[in-house]
N, C-alpha and C. Protein backbone atom coordinates (compact mmCIF):
# COMPACT_ATOMS: atom_id res chain seq x y z
N GLN A 1 1.02 -1.44 0.12
CA GLN A 1 0.19 0.06 0.33
C GLN A 1 1.06 1.03 0.37
N GLY A 2 0.16 2.31 -0.53
CA GLY A 2 1.25 3.44 -0.56
C GLY A 2 1.81 3.68 -1.97
N LEU A 3 2.57 5.11 -1.82
CA LEU A 3 3.28 5.41 -3.32
C LEU A 3 4.57 5.54 -3.01
N TYR A 4 5.48 4.92 -3.67
CA TYR A 4 7.31 4.71 -3.15
C TYR A 4 7.55 5.57 -4.11
N PHE A 5 8.68 6.39 -3.87
CA PHE A 5 9.60 6.90 -4.05
C PHE A 5 11.74 6.89 -3.55
N SER A 6 12.24 6.71 -4.47
CA SER A 6 13.50 6.64 -4.05
C SER A 6 14.01 8.08 -4.96
N ARG A 7 15.50 8.10 -3.93
CA ARG A 7 16.28 9.26 -4.98
C ARG A 7 17.20 8.41 -6.09
N TYR A 8 17.09 7.93 -5.88
CA TYR A 8 17.72 7.17 -7.13
C TYR A 8 17.49 6.34 -8.21
N ALA A 9 17.43 6.92 -9.19
CA ALA A 9 16.83 6.19 -10.36
C ALA A 9 16.72 4.96 -10.97
N SER A 10 18.01 4.59 -10.07
CA SER A 10 18.54 2.86 -10.39
C SER A 10 17.09 1.89 -9.58
N LYS A 11 16.79 3.02 -9.04
CA LYS A 11 15.67 1.70 -8.12
C LYS A 11 14.24 1.55 -9.24
N ALA A 12 14.26 2.52 -9.69
CA ALA A 12 12.63 2.52 -10.82
C ALA A 12 13.25 1.85 -12.13
N MET A 13 14.42 1.95 -12.21
CA MET A 13 15.28 1.20 -13.53
C MET A 13 15.04 -0.67 -13.21
N HIS A 14 14.67 -0.72 -11.67
CA HIS A 14 14.30 -2.35 -11.69
C HIS A 14 13.19 -2.35 -11.93
N PHE A 15 12.11 -1.71 -12.33
CA PHE A 15 10.72 -1.94 -12.57
C PHE A 15 10.81 -1.78 -14.04
N CYS A 16 11.30 -1.78 -14.99
CA CYS A 16 11.47 -1.29 -16.13
C CYS A 16 11.50 -2.31 -16.92
N ASP A 17 11.89 -2.66 -18.04
CA ASP A 17 12.25 -3.54 -19.22
C ASP A 17 12.48 -2.80 -20.71
N GLY A 18 14.10 -2.16 -20.67
CA GLY A 18 14.91 -1.79 -21.81
C GLY A 18 14.42 -0.02 -21.88
N SER A 19 12.85 -0.30 -22.20
CA SER A 19 11.96 1.47 -22.84
C SER A 19 11.25 1.61 -21.67
N CYS A 20 12.27 2.87 -20.82
CA CYS A 20 11.75 3.54 -18.68
C CYS A 20 11.20 4.64 -19.16
N GLN A 21 10.13 5.21 -18.36
CA GLN A 21 9.93 6.30 -17.84
C GLN A 21 9.69 6.67 -16.48
N ILE A 22 10.58 7.70 -16.45
CA ILE A 22 10.58 8.08 -15.05
C ILE A 22 9.95 9.64 -14.62
N ILE A 23 9.14 9.64 -13.59
CA ILE A 23 8.54 10.69 -13.15
C ILE A 23 8.78 11.57 -12.04
N MET A 24 9.63 12.61 -12.33
CA MET A 24 10.37 12.98 -11.36
C MET A 24 9.09 13.67 -10.52
N CYS A 25 8.93 14.39 -9.36
CA CYS A 25 8.31 14.20 -8.00
C CYS A 25 8.81 15.10 -7.10
N LYS A 26 8.58 15.90 -6.65
CA LYS A 26 9.03 16.81 -5.05
C LYS A 26 7.50 15.92 -4.60
N VAL A 27 8.36 15.39 -2.72
CA VAL A 27 7.45 14.82 -2.43
C VAL A 27 7.89 14.97 -0.93
N ALA A 28 6.46 15.47 -0.25
CA ALA A 28 6.77 16.06 0.88
C ALA A 28 6.35 15.32 2.02
N LEU A 29 7.88 14.75 2.67
CA LEU A 29 7.23 13.80 3.83
C LEU A 29 6.88 13.63 5.04
N GLY A 30 6.97 15.24 5.30
CA GLY A 30 6.58 15.82 6.52
C GLY A 30 7.30 14.80 7.70
N ASN A 31 6.78 14.63 8.69
CA ASN A 31 7.61 13.93 10.10
C ASN A 31 7.03 12.16 9.39
N SER A 32 8.41 11.86 9.24
CA SER A 32 8.70 10.78 8.38
C SER A 32 9.11 9.38 9.71
N LYS A 33 8.37 8.14 9.77
CA LYS A 33 9.23 7.41 10.25
C LYS A 33 9.51 5.84 9.82
N THR A 34 10.89 6.29 10.62
CA THR A 34 11.97 5.32 9.61
C THR A 34 10.65 3.65 10.03
N GLU A 35 11.24 2.43 9.03
CA GLU A 35 9.85 1.49 9.19
C GLU A 35 11.09 0.47 8.93
N THR A 36 11.27 -0.56 9.37
CA THR A 36 12.36 -1.80 8.91
C THR A 36 11.70 -2.85 9.06
N GLU A 37 9.69 -3.50 9.41
CA GLU A 37 9.02 -4.22 8.91
C GLU A 37 8.20 -4.23 8.37
N GLU A 38 8.61 -5.36 6.97
CA GLU A 38 7.56 -4.90 6.20
C GLU A 38 5.89 -5.47 7.01
N ASN A 39 4.73 -4.64 6.50
CA ASN A 39 3.71 -4.87 6.56
C ASN A 39 2.69 -4.49 5.58
N PRO A 40 2.36 -5.62 4.65
CA PRO A 40 1.02 -5.35 3.39
C PRO A 40 -0.11 -5.20 3.83
N GLU A 41 -0.35 -5.14 5.21
CA GLU A 41 -1.62 -4.78 5.25
C GLU A 41 -1.52 -3.21 5.45
N ARG A 42 -0.69 -2.28 5.87
CA ARG A 42 -0.48 -0.97 6.12
C ARG A 42 -1.40 -0.04 5.16
N LYS A 43 -2.14 0.83 5.53
CA LYS A 43 -2.84 2.02 4.54
C LYS A 43 -2.30 3.44 5.04
N ALA A 44 -2.15 3.37 5.80
CA ALA A 44 -1.70 5.05 6.40
C ALA A 44 -0.21 4.35 7.35
N PRO A 45 0.52 5.74 7.37
CA PRO A 45 1.55 5.96 8.74
C PRO A 45 0.61 5.91 10.27
N PRO A 46 1.68 5.57 10.74
CA PRO A 46 1.34 5.93 12.24
C PRO A 46 0.63 6.87 12.52
N ASP A 47 -0.45 7.06 13.45
CA ASP A 47 -0.60 8.57 14.19
C ASP A 47 1.05 9.60 14.56
N GLY A 48 0.69 10.58 14.53
CA GLY A 48 1.39 11.30 13.90
C GLY A 48 2.67 11.61 13.43
N PHE A 49 2.53 11.06 12.04
CA PHE A 49 3.42 10.87 11.23
C PHE A 49 2.38 10.93 10.03
N HIS A 50 3.68 11.18 8.73
CA HIS A 50 2.89 11.39 7.55
C HIS A 50 3.41 10.88 6.19
N SER A 51 4.45 10.73 6.83
CA SER A 51 4.90 8.96 6.04
C SER A 51 6.00 7.85 6.52
N LEU A 52 6.33 7.12 5.90
CA LEU A 52 7.49 6.14 5.80
C LEU A 52 8.78 6.20 5.61
N THR A 53 9.71 6.08 6.31
CA THR A 53 10.72 5.75 5.48
C THR A 53 11.38 4.92 5.43
N VAL A 54 11.78 3.72 4.59
CA VAL A 54 12.15 2.20 4.36
C VAL A 54 13.74 2.58 4.49
N PRO A 55 14.87 2.34 5.28
CA PRO A 55 16.23 2.26 5.00
C PRO A 55 16.80 1.42 4.00
N GLY A 56 17.59 1.51 3.11
CA GLY A 56 18.75 1.10 2.59
C GLY A 56 19.17 0.34 3.26
N ARG A 57 20.28 -1.29 2.68
CA ARG A 57 21.67 -1.11 3.59
C ARG A 57 22.75 -0.34 3.01
N HIS A 58 23.43 -0.25 4.25
CA HIS A 58 24.70 0.44 3.88
C HIS A 58 25.90 -0.26 2.73
N PHE A 59 26.37 0.59 1.98
CA PHE A 59 27.31 0.11 1.27
C PHE A 59 28.43 1.25 1.26
N PRO A 60 29.98 0.70 1.16
CA PRO A 60 30.82 0.97 0.98
C PRO A 60 30.83 2.25 0.16
N ALA A 61 31.81 2.99 1.17
CA ALA A 61 31.90 4.89 0.96
C ALA A 61 32.30 4.84 -0.39
N GLU A 62 33.67 4.07 -0.53
CA GLU A 62 34.03 4.35 -2.38
C GLU A 62 33.18 3.90 -2.96
N CYS A 63 31.85 3.21 -3.22
CA CYS A 63 31.30 3.05 -3.98
C CYS A 63 29.75 3.82 -4.15
N ALA A 64 30.07 4.95 -3.11
CA ALA A 64 29.36 5.70 -3.33
C ALA A 64 29.04 6.91 -4.48
N PRO A 65 27.83 7.16 -4.94
CA PRO A 65 27.26 7.97 -6.20
C PRO A 65 28.35 9.27 -6.46
N ASP A 66 28.26 9.84 -5.30
CA ASP A 66 29.01 11.20 -5.05
C ASP A 66 30.57 10.73 -4.73
N LYS A 67 31.00 9.59 -4.91
CA LYS A 67 32.31 9.18 -4.84
C LYS A 67 33.09 8.91 -5.98
N GLY A 68 31.90 8.91 -7.01
CA GLY A 68 32.18 7.97 -8.32
C GLY A 68 31.97 6.71 -8.90
N GLY A 69 31.69 6.12 -7.39
CA GLY A 69 31.36 4.78 -7.47
C GLY A 69 30.05 4.18 -8.30
N ALA A 70 29.52 2.97 -8.43
CA ALA A 70 28.61 2.09 -9.01
C ALA A 70 27.30 2.76 -8.02
N VAL A 71 26.20 2.98 -8.75
CA VAL A 71 24.49 3.50 -7.98
C VAL A 71 24.73 2.30 -7.65
N PRO A 72 23.51 2.89 -6.41
CA PRO A 72 23.28 1.74 -6.12
C PRO A 72 22.01 0.83 -5.83
N THR A 73 22.02 -1.02 -6.32
CA THR A 73 21.44 -1.67 -6.63
C THR A 73 19.93 -1.36 -5.72
N ARG A 74 19.18 -2.42 -5.60
CA ARG A 74 17.79 -2.40 -5.72
C ARG A 74 18.06 -2.79 -4.50
N SER A 75 18.97 -3.67 -3.74
CA SER A 75 18.83 -3.86 -2.40
C SER A 75 19.49 -3.07 -1.54
N PHE A 76 19.74 -1.80 -2.14
CA PHE A 76 20.79 -0.68 -1.44
C PHE A 76 20.02 0.69 -1.40
N ALA A 77 18.67 0.70 -1.92
CA ALA A 77 18.04 2.04 -2.22
C ALA A 77 16.91 2.11 -1.17
N GLU A 78 17.21 3.63 -0.29
CA GLU A 78 16.58 3.85 0.38
C GLU A 78 14.63 4.45 -0.36
N GLU A 79 13.95 4.16 0.42
CA GLU A 79 12.55 4.36 -0.01
C GLU A 79 11.81 5.42 0.70
N PHE A 80 10.66 6.07 -0.24
CA PHE A 80 10.06 6.99 0.98
C PHE A 80 8.47 6.63 0.56
N VAL A 81 7.56 6.15 1.49
CA VAL A 81 6.49 5.74 1.10
C VAL A 81 5.67 7.32 1.79
N VAL A 82 4.53 7.41 1.10
CA VAL A 82 3.19 8.37 1.55
C VAL A 82 2.25 7.72 0.94
N PHE A 83 0.99 8.36 1.71
CA PHE A 83 -0.37 7.74 1.26
C PHE A 83 -1.11 8.73 0.93
N ASP A 84 -0.99 9.58 0.77
CA ASP A 84 -1.94 10.84 0.30
C ASP A 84 -1.22 11.38 -0.94
N LEU A 85 -1.88 11.36 -2.13
CA LEU A 85 -1.50 12.38 -3.19
C LEU A 85 -1.17 13.54 -3.12
N ALA A 86 -1.91 14.44 -2.05
CA ALA A 86 -1.74 15.73 -1.82
C ALA A 86 0.36 16.10 -1.41
N GLN A 87 0.36 15.00 -1.08
CA GLN A 87 2.17 15.01 -0.85
C GLN A 87 3.01 14.76 -2.13
N ILE A 88 2.34 14.72 -3.17
CA ILE A 88 3.27 14.59 -4.13
C ILE A 88 3.11 15.72 -5.21
N LEU A 89 3.72 15.99 -5.67
CA LEU A 89 4.31 17.13 -7.23
C LEU A 89 4.67 16.45 -8.29
N PRO A 90 4.23 16.08 -9.20
CA PRO A 90 5.34 15.78 -10.45
C PRO A 90 5.20 16.81 -11.16
N LEU A 91 6.50 16.71 -11.56
CA LEU A 91 7.57 17.69 -11.91
C LEU A 91 7.49 17.54 -13.52
N TYR A 92 8.43 16.31 -13.93
CA TYR A 92 8.23 16.36 -15.21
C TYR A 92 8.94 14.39 -15.73
N THR A 93 8.95 14.03 -16.83
CA THR A 93 8.85 12.60 -16.84
C THR A 93 10.15 12.74 -17.70
N ILE A 94 10.69 11.42 -17.70
CA ILE A 94 12.01 11.71 -18.45
C ILE A 94 12.04 9.83 -18.89
N ASP A 95 11.78 9.92 -20.15
CA ASP A 95 12.11 9.03 -21.34
C ASP A 95 13.38 8.35 -21.71
N PHE A 96 13.70 6.82 -21.65
CA PHE A 96 14.79 6.47 -22.10
C PHE A 96 14.53 4.72 -22.55
N ASP A 97 15.78 4.50 -22.74
CA ASP A 97 16.30 3.50 -23.11
C ASP A 97 17.24 3.05 -22.66
N TRP A 98 17.62 1.69 -22.26
CA TRP A 98 18.77 1.14 -21.65
C TRP A 98 18.82 -0.39 -21.67
N GLU A 99 19.93 -0.71 -21.41
CA GLU A 99 19.86 -2.05 -21.67
C GLU A 99 21.28 -2.49 -20.30
N LEU A 100 21.35 -4.03 -19.72
CA LEU A 100 22.61 -4.22 -18.99
C LEU A 100 23.37 -4.72 -19.67
């Protein structure tokens, strides 16, 4: 449940096959609760919170994108989850083709 966002385009690329379209958005997270437990029944953040942050695993500093290293893989990517469409402002779409 919810709408999932990531700061890494590579996260979205795991859901497309060759021809991709990514929607760049501003997302108002508000007070975000860090959540590490999966709960498919969740339909909203806990009381007092506006969104969820699902942390990714840590990767070595030399592999960080800002250090010229590899872009994090799906298992590394932090995600943000919102449940209210009013928290999302779509800015533009990016269309591209890619292959492994």
